[in-house]
């Protein structure tokens, strides 16, 4: 018998993309915080409720045509430090 999937708890994620996204994209990414990094990348960080929301964010990155550099679960205090 197949196991029913467990519900994933919300987690803080950081997505890094190539280039500096304009601030107007902030609303499109919901509650994620956009941070322009000194290395020319943009970090999008914040609470993601589940895998479905994470996949939706990844599709938005794809649709923008920017390069996805990394996806990582981070400590919630790390996303607060950037705000």
Protein backbone atom coordinates (compact mmCIF):
# COMPACT_ATOMS: atom_id res chain seq x y z
CA UNK A 1 0.00 0.00 0.00
CA UNK A 2 1.23 3.49 -0.76
CA UNK A 3 1.83 5.81 2.14
CA UNK A 4 -0.09 9.03 2.20
CA UNK A 5 2.23 12.04 1.95
CA UNK A 6 3.09 13.85 5.16
CA UNK A 7 2.25 17.51 5.39
CA UNK A 8 5.45 19.54 5.36
CA UNK A 9 5.89 22.24 7.98
CA UNK A 10 6.59 25.78 6.72
CA UNK A 11 10.29 26.62 6.37
CA UNK A 12 12.39 29.66 5.57
CA UNK A 13 14.02 29.46 2.15
CA UNK A 14 16.54 31.54 0.27
CA UNK A 15 16.51 31.48 -3.53
CA UNK A 16 19.45 33.15 -5.27
CA UNK A 17 19.16 34.30 -8.85
CA UNK A 18 21.61 35.90 -11.25
CA UNK A 19 21.44 39.67 -11.63
CA UNK A 20 19.66 42.31 -9.60
CA UNK A 21 15.88 42.07 -9.91
CA UNK A 22 14.05 45.39 -9.95
CA UNK A 23 12.17 46.12 -6.73
CA UNK A 24 8.83 46.05 -8.56
CA UNK A 25 9.14 42.22 -8.71
CA UNK A 26 8.85 42.10 -4.92
CA UNK A 27 5.03 42.05 -5.03
CA UNK A 28 5.06 39.17 -7.54
CA UNK A 29 7.05 37.04 -5.09
CA UNK A 30 4.58 37.64 -2.25
CA UNK A 31 6.07 37.79 1.21
CA UNK A 32 9.65 37.06 0.14
CA UNK A 33 12.25 39.74 0.76
CA UNK A 34 14.39 40.73 -2.25
CA UNK A 35 17.98 41.62 -1.39
CA UNK A 36 20.54 42.83 -3.92
CA UNK A 37 23.81 41.12 -3.04
CA UNK A 38 27.24 42.66 -3.66
CA UNK A 39 28.18 39.80 -6.02
CA UNK A 40 25.52 40.89 -8.54
CA UNK A 41 22.89 38.36 -7.49
CA UNK A 42 19.48 38.74 -5.84
CA UNK A 43 18.39 36.77 -2.79
CA UNK A 44 14.70 36.08 -2.28
CA UNK A 45 14.12 34.92 1.28
CA UNK A 46 11.24 34.22 3.59
CA UNK A 47 8.72 31.70 4.86
CA UNK A 48 7.42 29.15 2.35
CA UNK A 49 4.39 27.21 3.54
CA UNK A 50 4.94 23.94 1.65
CA UNK A 51 6.46 22.26 -1.40
CA UNK A 52 3.61 23.42 -3.63
CA UNK A 53 4.39 27.05 -2.82
CA UNK A 54 8.12 26.42 -3.35
CA UNK A 55 7.46 24.93 -6.79
CA UNK A 56 5.27 27.94 -7.63
CA UNK A 57 8.14 30.27 -6.73
CA UNK A 58 10.53 28.25 -8.87
CA UNK A 59 8.13 28.53 -11.82
CA UNK A 60 8.07 32.32 -11.35
CA UNK A 61 11.88 32.40 -11.46
CA UNK A 62 11.75 30.29 -14.64
CA UNK A 63 9.11 32.54 -16.19
CA UNK A 64 11.29 35.62 -15.55
CA UNK A 65 14.09 33.98 -17.52
CA UNK A 66 16.70 34.60 -14.84
CA UNK A 67 19.33 32.06 -13.81
CA UNK A 68 18.53 30.15 -10.64
CA UNK A 69 21.78 29.82 -8.68
CA UNK A 70 20.65 28.09 -5.50
CA UNK A 71 17.76 27.11 -3.25
CA UNK A 72 18.41 26.58 0.45
CA UNK A 73 16.53 26.20 3.70
CA UNK A 74 17.82 28.89 6.04
CA UNK A 75 17.52 29.83 9.68
CA UNK A 76 14.57 32.25 10.09
CA UNK A 77 16.87 34.81 11.76
CA UNK A 78 18.95 34.96 8.55
CA UNK A 79 15.99 36.28 6.55
CA UNK A 80 15.24 38.88 9.26
CA UNK A 81 18.85 40.12 9.20
CA UNK A 82 18.47 41.17 5.53
CA UNK A 83 15.34 43.26 6.09
